[in-house]
Amino acid sequence: MAIKKFGNYKAPTVAPITEDLDWWHPVEGSPTMKTWIEHQSEDGKFLTGYWEATPGSYRVKYEVDEFIQFFEGKATLIDKDQEPRTFVAGDVFFIEAGFDGIWKTEETVRKTFAIRVR
């Protein structure tokens, strides 16, 4: 069994990706994001790391499953088929592939994630 230690959300061990992710499209404000991929499986279908986003909104359609834990911030997710849901620092939640809606960062978000590509 392999065990990999990451840094922490304030001091990741890898350089960030500073471009918006391909499936995230700004729709309000001037949001920015940084993604630190701390681990990726050999087949590229499982990724873990840290993510940060500044206030603003993105249109996003998830084709992956994502487990999330917020360390800082506040965001509201507005799925076309559900009531808006707001998450704050300390919340842990899961976004299933198929989410199609708006990710609105209200206060700068810092989170850890585990993504499974379907």
N, C-alpha and C. Protein backbone atom coordinates (compact mmCIF):
# COMPACT_ATOMS: atom_id res chain seq x y z
N MET A 1 0.85 -1.18 0.00
CA MET A 1 0.00 0.00 0.00
C MET A 1 0.89 1.23 0.00
N ALA A 2 0.53 2.19 -0.84
CA ALA A 2 1.27 3.45 -0.89
C ALA A 2 0.49 4.52 -0.12
N ILE A 3 1.21 5.32 0.61
CA ILE A 3 0.62 6.44 1.33
C ILE A 3 1.33 7.69 0.87
N LYS A 4 0.57 8.70 0.51
CA LYS A 4 1.15 9.95 0.04
C LYS A 4 0.69 11.07 0.94
N LYS A 5 1.63 11.82 1.47
CA LYS A 5 1.30 12.98 2.31
C LYS A 5 1.28 14.22 1.44
N PHE A 6 0.20 14.98 1.58
CA PHE A 6 0.08 16.26 0.90
C PHE A 6 0.63 17.33 1.82
N GLY A 7 0.72 18.54 1.29
CA GLY A 7 0.95 19.70 2.15
C GLY A 7 -0.36 19.94 2.87
N ASN A 8 -0.70 21.20 3.05
CA ASN A 8 -2.03 21.51 3.56
C ASN A 8 -2.62 22.60 2.68
N TYR A 9 -3.88 22.94 2.92
CA TYR A 9 -4.55 23.85 2.00
C TYR A 9 -3.93 25.24 1.97
N LYS A 10 -3.12 25.57 2.95
CA LYS A 10 -2.42 26.85 2.94
C LYS A 10 -1.02 26.72 2.33
N ALA A 11 -0.53 25.48 2.21
CA ALA A 11 0.81 25.25 1.67
C ALA A 11 0.86 23.92 0.91
N PRO A 12 0.23 23.87 -0.28
CA PRO A 12 0.29 22.65 -1.09
C PRO A 12 1.73 22.31 -1.46
N THR A 13 1.95 21.08 -1.87
CA THR A 13 3.32 20.64 -2.21
C THR A 13 3.62 20.74 -3.70
N VAL A 14 2.65 21.17 -4.51
CA VAL A 14 2.85 21.28 -5.96
C VAL A 14 2.47 22.69 -6.41
N ALA A 15 2.94 23.04 -7.61
CA ALA A 15 2.58 24.34 -8.18
C ALA A 15 1.13 24.31 -8.67
N PRO A 16 0.43 25.44 -8.58
CA PRO A 16 -0.97 25.44 -9.00
C PRO A 16 -1.14 25.58 -10.51
N ILE A 17 -2.26 25.08 -10.98
CA ILE A 17 -2.75 25.38 -12.32
C ILE A 17 -3.57 26.65 -12.13
N THR A 18 -3.29 27.69 -12.89
CA THR A 18 -3.96 28.96 -12.65
C THR A 18 -5.00 29.31 -13.71
N GLU A 19 -5.15 28.47 -14.72
CA GLU A 19 -6.19 28.69 -15.72
C GLU A 19 -7.50 28.07 -15.23
N ASP A 20 -8.61 28.62 -15.70
CA ASP A 20 -9.91 28.04 -15.40
C ASP A 20 -9.97 26.62 -15.97
N LEU A 21 -10.61 25.72 -15.24
CA LEU A 21 -10.80 24.36 -15.73
C LEU A 21 -11.66 24.39 -16.99
N ASP A 22 -11.45 23.44 -17.89
CA ASP A 22 -12.11 23.45 -19.20
C ASP A 22 -13.62 23.56 -19.15
N TRP A 23 -14.25 22.94 -18.19
CA TRP A 23 -15.72 22.91 -18.15
C TRP A 23 -16.31 24.01 -17.27
N TRP A 24 -15.49 24.97 -16.86
CA TRP A 24 -15.94 26.11 -16.05
C TRP A 24 -15.91 27.37 -16.91
N HIS A 25 -17.06 28.05 -17.03
CA HIS A 25 -17.16 29.23 -17.88
C HIS A 25 -17.70 30.40 -17.07
N PRO A 26 -16.88 31.48 -16.90
CA PRO A 26 -17.33 32.63 -16.10
C PRO A 26 -18.60 33.25 -16.68
N VAL A 27 -19.55 33.58 -15.78
CA VAL A 27 -20.79 34.22 -16.22
C VAL A 27 -21.11 35.50 -15.45
N GLU A 28 -20.45 35.70 -14.30
CA GLU A 28 -20.71 36.91 -13.51
C GLU A 28 -19.46 37.27 -12.73
N GLY A 29 -19.11 38.56 -12.74
CA GLY A 29 -17.92 38.99 -12.02
C GLY A 29 -16.66 38.59 -12.78
N SER A 30 -15.56 38.58 -12.04
CA SER A 30 -14.27 38.20 -12.63
C SER A 30 -13.62 37.12 -11.76
N PRO A 31 -14.27 35.96 -11.63
CA PRO A 31 -13.72 34.93 -10.76
C PRO A 31 -12.41 34.37 -11.31
N THR A 32 -11.56 33.95 -10.39
CA THR A 32 -10.33 33.25 -10.78
C THR A 32 -10.27 31.96 -9.96
N MET A 33 -9.47 31.02 -10.44
CA MET A 33 -9.30 29.78 -9.70
C MET A 33 -7.87 29.31 -9.79
N LYS A 34 -7.49 28.52 -8.79
CA LYS A 34 -6.20 27.82 -8.76
C LYS A 34 -6.49 26.38 -8.37
N THR A 35 -5.82 25.45 -9.03
CA THR A 35 -6.01 24.04 -8.75
C THR A 35 -4.65 23.40 -8.51
N TRP A 36 -4.50 22.75 -7.36
CA TRP A 36 -3.29 22.02 -7.04
C TRP A 36 -3.62 20.53 -7.09
N ILE A 37 -3.08 19.80 -8.04
CA ILE A 37 -3.33 18.36 -8.12
C ILE A 37 -2.20 17.67 -7.37
N GLU A 38 -2.52 17.19 -6.18
CA GLU A 38 -1.53 16.55 -5.32
C GLU A 38 -1.32 15.08 -5.69
N HIS A 39 -2.34 14.46 -6.28
CA HIS A 39 -2.21 13.05 -6.68
C HIS A 39 -3.13 12.76 -7.86
N GLN A 40 -2.63 11.97 -8.78
CA GLN A 40 -3.44 11.50 -9.91
C GLN A 40 -3.11 10.04 -10.15
N SER A 41 -4.13 9.21 -10.29
CA SER A 41 -3.90 7.79 -10.54
C SER A 41 -3.24 7.61 -11.91
N GLU A 42 -2.62 6.46 -12.11
CA GLU A 42 -1.92 6.19 -13.37
C GLU A 42 -2.84 6.30 -14.57
N ASP A 43 -4.11 5.91 -14.43
CA ASP A 43 -5.04 5.99 -15.55
C ASP A 43 -5.69 7.37 -15.68
N GLY A 44 -5.37 8.29 -14.76
CA GLY A 44 -5.89 9.65 -14.82
C GLY A 44 -7.34 9.80 -14.41
N LYS A 45 -7.93 8.75 -13.83
CA LYS A 45 -9.36 8.79 -13.50
C LYS A 45 -9.66 9.09 -12.04
N PHE A 46 -8.63 9.30 -11.23
CA PHE A 46 -8.84 9.68 -9.83
C PHE A 46 -7.82 10.75 -9.48
N LEU A 47 -8.32 11.91 -9.03
CA LEU A 47 -7.45 13.04 -8.71
C LEU A 47 -7.81 13.59 -7.34
N THR A 48 -6.81 14.03 -6.61
CA THR A 48 -7.04 14.67 -5.33
C THR A 48 -6.16 15.91 -5.24
N GLY A 49 -6.60 16.86 -4.45
CA GLY A 49 -5.80 18.05 -4.27
C GLY A 49 -6.58 19.17 -3.61
N TYR A 50 -6.15 20.39 -3.92
CA TYR A 50 -6.73 21.59 -3.35
C TYR A 50 -7.21 22.50 -4.47
N TRP A 51 -8.18 23.37 -4.13
CA TRP A 51 -8.73 24.29 -5.12
C TRP A 51 -9.10 25.58 -4.40
N GLU A 52 -8.94 26.67 -5.12
CA GLU A 52 -9.27 27.98 -4.59
C GLU A 52 -10.00 28.77 -5.67
N ALA A 53 -11.06 29.49 -5.29
CA ALA A 53 -11.78 30.34 -6.24
C ALA A 53 -12.14 31.65 -5.56
N THR A 54 -12.05 32.73 -6.34
CA THR A 54 -12.41 34.05 -5.84
C THR A 54 -13.86 34.34 -6.24
N PRO A 55 -14.49 35.35 -5.62
CA PRO A 55 -15.90 35.63 -5.87
C PRO A 55 -16.24 35.86 -7.35
N GLY A 56 -17.40 35.35 -7.70
CA GLY A 56 -17.94 35.42 -9.05
C GLY A 56 -18.65 34.11 -9.35
N SER A 57 -19.21 34.02 -10.53
CA SER A 57 -19.99 32.83 -10.89
C SER A 57 -19.46 32.16 -12.15
N TYR A 58 -19.53 30.83 -12.13
CA TYR A 58 -19.18 30.01 -13.28
C TYR A 58 -20.38 29.16 -13.69
N ARG A 59 -20.55 28.96 -14.96
CA ARG A 59 -21.47 27.94 -15.49
C ARG A 59 -20.64 26.68 -15.60
N VAL A 60 -21.17 25.59 -15.06
CA VAL A 60 -20.39 24.36 -15.03
C VAL A 60 -21.30 23.15 -15.23
N LYS A 61 -20.78 22.17 -15.94
CA LYS A 61 -21.48 20.89 -16.08
C LYS A 61 -20.49 19.80 -15.69
N TYR A 62 -20.84 19.08 -14.62
CA TYR A 62 -19.98 18.04 -14.08
C TYR A 62 -20.13 16.74 -14.87
N GLU A 63 -19.01 16.23 -15.33
CA GLU A 63 -18.97 14.90 -15.94
C GLU A 63 -18.11 13.98 -15.07
N VAL A 64 -17.88 14.42 -13.84
CA VAL A 64 -17.09 13.68 -12.85
C VAL A 64 -17.86 13.67 -11.53
N ASP A 65 -17.49 12.77 -10.64
CA ASP A 65 -17.99 12.79 -9.27
C ASP A 65 -16.94 13.49 -8.42
N GLU A 66 -17.37 14.36 -7.50
CA GLU A 66 -16.40 15.08 -6.68
C GLU A 66 -16.83 15.11 -5.22
N PHE A 67 -15.92 14.68 -4.35
CA PHE A 67 -16.06 14.80 -2.90
C PHE A 67 -15.32 16.06 -2.50
N ILE A 68 -15.95 16.91 -1.68
CA ILE A 68 -15.41 18.23 -1.35
C ILE A 68 -15.46 18.49 0.14
N GLN A 69 -14.41 19.13 0.66
CA GLN A 69 -14.44 19.68 2.01
C GLN A 69 -13.97 21.13 1.94
N PHE A 70 -14.83 22.05 2.36
CA PHE A 70 -14.47 23.46 2.39
C PHE A 70 -13.67 23.75 3.67
N PHE A 71 -12.57 24.47 3.50
CA PHE A 71 -11.80 24.95 4.64
C PHE A 71 -12.11 26.41 4.91
N GLU A 72 -12.36 27.14 3.84
CA GLU A 72 -12.65 28.57 3.95
C GLU A 72 -13.69 28.94 2.90
N GLY A 73 -14.46 29.99 3.18
CA GLY A 73 -15.31 30.58 2.18
C GLY A 73 -16.75 30.17 2.18
N LYS A 74 -17.43 30.60 1.11
CA LYS A 74 -18.86 30.36 0.97
C LYS A 74 -19.20 30.33 -0.52
N ALA A 75 -19.99 29.33 -0.92
CA ALA A 75 -20.43 29.22 -2.31
C ALA A 75 -21.85 28.69 -2.35
N THR A 76 -22.58 29.11 -3.36
CA THR A 76 -23.93 28.60 -3.61
C THR A 76 -23.92 27.89 -4.95
N LEU A 77 -24.46 26.67 -4.96
CA LEU A 77 -24.57 25.88 -6.18
C LEU A 77 -26.03 25.87 -6.59
N ILE A 78 -26.26 26.21 -7.85
CA ILE A 78 -27.61 26.31 -8.37
C ILE A 78 -27.74 25.33 -9.53
N ASP A 79 -28.31 24.17 -9.24
CA ASP A 79 -28.52 23.14 -10.25
C ASP A 79 -29.84 23.41 -10.94
N LYS A 80 -29.89 23.16 -12.23
CA LYS A 80 -31.13 23.44 -12.98
C LYS A 80 -32.32 22.65 -12.47
N ASP A 81 -32.08 21.52 -11.78
CA ASP A 81 -33.16 20.65 -11.34
C ASP A 81 -33.42 20.67 -9.83
N GLN A 82 -32.71 21.53 -9.06
CA GLN A 82 -32.85 21.53 -7.61
C GLN A 82 -32.87 22.95 -7.07
N GLU A 83 -33.23 23.07 -5.79
CA GLU A 83 -33.14 24.34 -5.09
C GLU A 83 -31.67 24.70 -4.89
N PRO A 84 -31.32 26.00 -4.88
CA PRO A 84 -29.93 26.39 -4.59
C PRO A 84 -29.47 25.85 -3.24
N ARG A 85 -28.20 25.47 -3.16
CA ARG A 85 -27.62 24.97 -1.91
C ARG A 85 -26.38 25.81 -1.60
N THR A 86 -26.29 26.30 -0.37
CA THR A 86 -25.14 27.10 0.05
C THR A 86 -24.26 26.28 0.97
N PHE A 87 -22.94 26.38 0.74
CA PHE A 87 -21.95 25.65 1.53
C PHE A 87 -20.94 26.65 2.08
N VAL A 88 -20.48 26.39 3.31
CA VAL A 88 -19.54 27.29 3.99
C VAL A 88 -18.39 26.47 4.56
N ALA A 89 -17.38 27.20 5.07
CA ALA A 89 -16.22 26.55 5.68
C ALA A 89 -16.68 25.50 6.69
N GLY A 90 -16.08 24.32 6.60
CA GLY A 90 -16.42 23.21 7.48
C GLY A 90 -17.35 22.21 6.84
N ASP A 91 -18.06 22.62 5.77
CA ASP A 91 -18.99 21.70 5.11
C ASP A 91 -18.24 20.67 4.28
N VAL A 92 -18.81 19.48 4.26
CA VAL A 92 -18.31 18.37 3.44
C VAL A 92 -19.49 17.91 2.60
N PHE A 93 -19.28 17.78 1.29
CA PHE A 93 -20.38 17.39 0.43
C PHE A 93 -19.87 16.69 -0.83
N PHE A 94 -20.82 16.19 -1.62
CA PHE A 94 -20.52 15.40 -2.80
C PHE A 94 -21.32 15.96 -3.98
N ILE A 95 -20.67 16.16 -5.11
CA ILE A 95 -21.36 16.56 -6.33
C ILE A 95 -21.25 15.38 -7.30
N GLU A 96 -22.41 14.89 -7.69
CA GLU A 96 -22.45 13.74 -8.60
C GLU A 96 -22.38 14.22 -10.06
N ALA A 97 -21.73 13.41 -10.90
CA ALA A 97 -21.72 13.71 -12.33
C ALA A 97 -23.15 13.98 -12.78
N GLY A 98 -23.32 14.98 -13.63
CA GLY A 98 -24.64 15.37 -14.09
C GLY A 98 -25.07 16.72 -13.55
N PHE A 99 -24.38 17.21 -12.48
CA PHE A 99 -24.69 18.57 -12.02
C PHE A 99 -24.51 19.51 -13.20
N ASP A 100 -25.52 20.33 -13.45
CA ASP A 100 -25.50 21.27 -14.57
C ASP A 100 -26.08 22.56 -14.06
N GLY A 101 -25.22 23.54 -13.81
CA GLY A 101 -25.75 24.77 -13.24
C GLY A 101 -24.69 25.82 -13.01
N ILE A 102 -24.90 26.58 -11.95
CA ILE A 102 -24.03 27.71 -11.60
C ILE A 102 -23.33 27.44 -10.28
N TRP A 103 -22.02 27.68 -10.25
CA TRP A 103 -21.23 27.68 -9.02
C TRP A 103 -20.97 29.16 -8.73
N LYS A 104 -21.56 29.68 -7.67
CA LYS A 104 -21.39 31.10 -7.31
C LYS A 104 -20.55 31.18 -6.05
N THR A 105 -19.32 31.66 -6.19
CA THR A 105 -18.44 31.86 -5.05
C THR A 105 -18.75 33.22 -4.45
N GLU A 106 -19.23 33.20 -3.20
CA GLU A 106 -19.62 34.44 -2.54
C GLU A 106 -18.50 35.01 -1.69
N GLU A 107 -17.69 34.13 -1.11
CA GLU A 107 -16.48 34.50 -0.37
C GLU A 107 -15.41 33.53 -0.84
N THR A 108 -14.18 33.99 -1.01
CA THR A 108 -13.12 33.13 -1.53
C THR A 108 -13.16 31.76 -0.88
N VAL A 109 -13.20 30.74 -1.73
CA VAL A 109 -13.30 29.35 -1.29
C VAL A 109 -11.93 28.68 -1.38
N ARG A 110 -11.62 27.91 -0.34
CA ARG A 110 -10.47 27.00 -0.36
C ARG A 110 -11.01 25.65 0.06
N LYS A 111 -10.70 24.64 -0.76
CA LYS A 111 -11.27 23.31 -0.50
C LYS A 111 -10.26 22.23 -0.86
N THR A 112 -10.53 21.06 -0.34
CA THR A 112 -9.83 19.86 -0.79
C THR A 112 -10.84 19.06 -1.59
N PHE A 113 -10.34 18.29 -2.56
CA PHE A 113 -11.24 17.53 -3.41
C PHE A 113 -10.69 16.15 -3.72
N ALA A 114 -11.61 15.26 -4.05
CA ALA A 114 -11.28 13.95 -4.61
C ALA A 114 -12.25 13.77 -5.78
N ILE A 115 -11.69 13.62 -6.98
CA ILE A 115 -12.50 13.53 -8.19
C ILE A 115 -12.32 12.16 -8.83
N ARG A 116 -13.47 11.59 -9.24
CA ARG A 116 -13.46 10.34 -9.98
C ARG A 116 -14.03 10.64 -11.36
N VAL A 117 -13.23 10.39 -12.38
CA VAL A 117 -13.67 10.59 -13.76
C VAL A 117 -14.45 9.35 -14.17
N ARG A 118 -15.62 9.55 -14.70
CA ARG A 118 -16.44 8.41 -15.14
C ARG A 118 -16.05 7.96 -16.51
